[in-house]
Amino acid sequence: MTEPSETIADVATLSFEQARDELVSVVAELEQGSPTLEHSLALWERGEALAARCEQWLRGAKQRLDDARAQVEAD
């Protein structure tokens, strides 16, 4: 898993699958309990960024589907 100290900026380069898989790891680690509050907060922040990245991918995929449907209906 990525260390929570890494910048959130790198999340923007992840594919949907990479972000989803890392998010699953973050959630699992949070469920196990972290040794410190600071580590837990860093994990939480990373998880939020990963969830936002997944949402971005899903919104983009929905838009592509909507565009394709509109094109089919226009033909």
N, C-alpha and C. Protein backbone atom coordinates (compact mmCIF):
# COMPACT_ATOMS: atom_id res chain seq x y z
N MET A 1 0.83 -1.18 0.00
CA MET A 1 0.00 0.00 0.00
C MET A 1 0.87 1.24 0.00
N THR A 2 0.36 2.32 -0.57
CA THR A 2 1.08 3.58 -0.59
C THR A 2 1.13 4.15 0.82
N GLU A 3 2.27 4.71 1.18
CA GLU A 3 2.40 5.34 2.48
C GLU A 3 1.52 6.58 2.54
N PRO A 4 0.82 6.79 3.66
CA PRO A 4 -0.06 7.94 3.77
C PRO A 4 0.66 9.27 3.66
N SER A 5 1.96 9.30 3.91
CA SER A 5 2.71 10.55 3.84
C SER A 5 2.91 11.04 2.42
N GLU A 6 2.66 10.19 1.43
CA GLU A 6 2.80 10.62 0.05
C GLU A 6 1.76 11.67 -0.27
N THR A 7 2.08 12.54 -1.21
CA THR A 7 1.14 13.59 -1.55
C THR A 7 -0.08 13.01 -2.23
N ILE A 8 -1.18 13.69 -2.06
CA ILE A 8 -2.43 13.27 -2.67
C ILE A 8 -2.42 13.54 -4.17
N ALA A 9 -1.53 14.41 -4.62
CA ALA A 9 -1.46 14.77 -6.03
C ALA A 9 -1.27 13.55 -6.93
N ASP A 10 -0.54 12.54 -6.45
CA ASP A 10 -0.31 11.37 -7.30
C ASP A 10 -1.58 10.57 -7.55
N VAL A 11 -2.62 10.80 -6.76
CA VAL A 11 -3.89 10.11 -6.96
C VAL A 11 -4.46 10.44 -8.34
N ALA A 12 -4.22 11.65 -8.80
CA ALA A 12 -4.77 12.08 -10.08
C ALA A 12 -4.24 11.28 -11.25
N THR A 13 -3.15 10.56 -11.08
CA THR A 13 -2.57 9.78 -12.17
C THR A 13 -3.03 8.32 -12.16
N LEU A 14 -3.80 7.93 -11.14
CA LEU A 14 -4.19 6.53 -11.00
C LEU A 14 -5.36 6.17 -11.91
N SER A 15 -5.33 4.95 -12.41
CA SER A 15 -6.48 4.43 -13.14
C SER A 15 -7.58 4.13 -12.13
N PHE A 16 -8.77 3.86 -12.63
CA PHE A 16 -9.87 3.51 -11.73
C PHE A 16 -9.52 2.29 -10.90
N GLU A 17 -8.98 1.27 -11.56
CA GLU A 17 -8.67 0.03 -10.88
C GLU A 17 -7.59 0.22 -9.81
N GLN A 18 -6.58 1.02 -10.12
CA GLN A 18 -5.52 1.28 -9.14
C GLN A 18 -6.08 2.02 -7.92
N ALA A 19 -6.89 3.04 -8.18
CA ALA A 19 -7.48 3.82 -7.08
C ALA A 19 -8.41 2.96 -6.25
N ARG A 20 -9.22 2.14 -6.90
CA ARG A 20 -10.15 1.25 -6.18
C ARG A 20 -9.40 0.26 -5.32
N ASP A 21 -8.37 -0.36 -5.87
CA ASP A 21 -7.62 -1.36 -5.12
C ASP A 21 -6.91 -0.74 -3.92
N GLU A 22 -6.33 0.44 -4.12
CA GLU A 22 -5.67 1.09 -3.00
C GLU A 22 -6.69 1.53 -1.94
N LEU A 23 -7.86 1.97 -2.38
CA LEU A 23 -8.91 2.35 -1.45
C LEU A 23 -9.33 1.17 -0.59
N VAL A 24 -9.45 0.01 -1.20
CA VAL A 24 -9.78 -1.21 -0.44
C VAL A 24 -8.71 -1.46 0.62
N SER A 25 -7.45 -1.28 0.27
CA SER A 25 -6.36 -1.48 1.23
C SER A 25 -6.42 -0.46 2.36
N VAL A 26 -6.70 0.78 2.03
CA VAL A 26 -6.80 1.83 3.04
C VAL A 26 -7.93 1.51 4.02
N VAL A 27 -9.07 1.13 3.49
CA VAL A 27 -10.22 0.80 4.35
C VAL A 27 -9.88 -0.37 5.27
N ALA A 28 -9.24 -1.39 4.72
CA ALA A 28 -8.86 -2.55 5.53
C ALA A 28 -7.91 -2.14 6.65
N GLU A 29 -6.95 -1.29 6.33
CA GLU A 29 -6.00 -0.84 7.35
C GLU A 29 -6.70 0.00 8.42
N LEU A 30 -7.62 0.85 8.01
CA LEU A 30 -8.37 1.65 8.98
C LEU A 30 -9.23 0.76 9.88
N GLU A 31 -9.81 -0.28 9.30
CA GLU A 31 -10.63 -1.19 10.09
C GLU A 31 -9.81 -1.95 11.13
N GLN A 32 -8.55 -2.22 10.83
CA GLN A 32 -7.68 -2.93 11.76
C GLN A 32 -7.21 -2.02 12.89
N GLY A 33 -7.27 -0.74 12.66
CA GLY A 33 -6.81 0.21 13.66
C GLY A 33 -5.35 0.56 13.44
N SER A 34 -5.08 1.83 13.42
CA SER A 34 -3.72 2.32 13.21
C SER A 34 -3.05 2.57 14.55
N PRO A 35 -1.73 2.53 14.55
CA PRO A 35 -1.01 2.72 15.81
C PRO A 35 -1.13 4.14 16.37
N THR A 36 -1.35 5.12 15.51
CA THR A 36 -1.45 6.49 15.99
C THR A 36 -2.62 7.21 15.33
N LEU A 37 -3.08 8.25 15.99
CA LEU A 37 -4.14 9.08 15.42
C LEU A 37 -3.66 9.74 14.14
N GLU A 38 -2.43 10.21 14.14
CA GLU A 38 -1.89 10.88 12.96
C GLU A 38 -1.90 9.95 11.75
N HIS A 39 -1.51 8.71 11.95
CA HIS A 39 -1.52 7.73 10.86
C HIS A 39 -2.95 7.48 10.38
N SER A 40 -3.87 7.37 11.31
CA SER A 40 -5.27 7.17 10.94
C SER A 40 -5.79 8.34 10.12
N LEU A 41 -5.46 9.56 10.53
CA LEU A 41 -5.90 10.73 9.78
C LEU A 41 -5.29 10.77 8.38
N ALA A 42 -4.03 10.41 8.28
CA ALA A 42 -3.38 10.38 6.97
C ALA A 42 -4.03 9.33 6.07
N LEU A 43 -4.35 8.19 6.64
CA LEU A 43 -5.04 7.15 5.86
C LEU A 43 -6.41 7.65 5.42
N TRP A 44 -7.13 8.29 6.33
CA TRP A 44 -8.46 8.81 6.01
C TRP A 44 -8.37 9.80 4.85
N GLU A 45 -7.42 10.72 4.93
CA GLU A 45 -7.26 11.71 3.86
C GLU A 45 -6.93 11.03 2.53
N ARG A 46 -6.07 10.05 2.58
CA ARG A 46 -5.72 9.31 1.36
C ARG A 46 -6.97 8.59 0.81
N GLY A 47 -7.72 7.99 1.70
CA GLY A 47 -8.95 7.31 1.29
C GLY A 47 -9.94 8.25 0.64
N GLU A 48 -10.08 9.45 1.21
CA GLU A 48 -10.98 10.44 0.62
C GLU A 48 -10.53 10.82 -0.79
N ALA A 49 -9.24 11.01 -0.96
CA ALA A 49 -8.70 11.36 -2.28
C ALA A 49 -8.91 10.22 -3.27
N LEU A 50 -8.71 9.01 -2.82
CA LEU A 50 -8.91 7.84 -3.69
C LEU A 50 -10.38 7.68 -4.07
N ALA A 51 -11.27 7.88 -3.11
CA ALA A 51 -12.70 7.78 -3.39
C ALA A 51 -13.11 8.85 -4.40
N ALA A 52 -12.57 10.05 -4.26
CA ALA A 52 -12.88 11.13 -5.20
C ALA A 52 -12.38 10.77 -6.60
N ARG A 53 -11.22 10.15 -6.68
CA ARG A 53 -10.67 9.74 -7.99
C ARG A 53 -11.57 8.68 -8.63
N CYS A 54 -12.02 7.72 -7.84
CA CYS A 54 -12.94 6.71 -8.37
C CYS A 54 -14.22 7.36 -8.87
N GLU A 55 -14.74 8.29 -8.10
CA GLU A 55 -15.96 9.01 -8.50
C GLU A 55 -15.74 9.77 -9.80
N GLN A 56 -14.57 10.38 -9.94
CA GLN A 56 -14.24 11.10 -11.17
C GLN A 56 -14.26 10.15 -12.37
N TRP A 57 -13.65 8.99 -12.22
CA TRP A 57 -13.65 8.00 -13.30
C TRP A 57 -15.08 7.56 -13.63
N LEU A 58 -15.88 7.31 -12.61
CA LEU A 58 -17.24 6.84 -12.85
C LEU A 58 -18.10 7.91 -13.51
N ARG A 59 -17.94 9.17 -13.10
CA ARG A 59 -18.67 10.26 -13.77
C ARG A 59 -18.26 10.36 -15.23
N GLY A 60 -16.98 10.21 -15.50
CA GLY A 60 -16.50 10.25 -16.88
C GLY A 60 -17.06 9.11 -17.71
N ALA A 61 -17.10 7.93 -17.13
CA ALA A 61 -17.65 6.77 -17.84
C ALA A 61 -19.14 6.97 -18.12
N LYS A 62 -19.87 7.50 -17.15
CA LYS A 62 -21.30 7.77 -17.34
C LYS A 62 -21.50 8.79 -18.46
N GLN A 63 -20.67 9.82 -18.47
CA GLN A 63 -20.79 10.83 -19.52
C GLN A 63 -20.54 10.23 -20.89
N ARG A 64 -19.55 9.36 -20.99
CA ARG A 64 -19.27 8.71 -22.27
C ARG A 64 -20.45 7.86 -22.72
N LEU A 65 -21.07 7.13 -21.79
CA LEU A 65 -22.24 6.32 -22.13
C LEU A 65 -23.41 7.20 -22.55
N ASP A 66 -23.63 8.29 -21.82
CA ASP A 66 -24.71 9.21 -22.18
C ASP A 66 -24.48 9.80 -23.56
N ASP A 67 -23.23 10.16 -23.86
CA ASP A 67 -22.90 10.70 -25.18
C ASP A 67 -23.13 9.66 -26.27
N ALA A 68 -22.75 8.42 -26.02
CA ALA A 68 -22.95 7.36 -27.01
C ALA A 68 -24.44 7.10 -27.25
N ARG A 69 -25.21 7.10 -26.17
CA ARG A 69 -26.67 6.91 -26.32
C ARG A 69 -27.29 8.05 -27.12
N ALA A 70 -26.86 9.26 -26.82
CA ALA A 70 -27.39 10.42 -27.54
C ALA A 70 -27.04 10.32 -29.02
N GLN A 71 -25.86 9.87 -29.35
CA GLN A 71 -25.43 9.72 -30.72
C GLN A 71 -26.28 8.66 -31.43
N VAL A 72 -26.54 7.55 -30.75
CA VAL A 72 -27.36 6.48 -31.35
C VAL A 72 -28.78 7.00 -31.61
N GLU A 73 -29.31 7.74 -30.65
CA GLU A 73 -30.67 8.27 -30.81
C GLU A 73 -30.74 9.30 -31.91
N ALA A 74 -29.64 10.03 -32.13
CA ALA A 74 -29.62 11.06 -33.17
C ALA A 74 -29.51 10.45 -34.57
N ASP A 75 -28.97 9.23 -34.65
CA ASP A 75 -28.79 8.60 -35.97
C ASP A 75 -30.05 8.04 -36.53
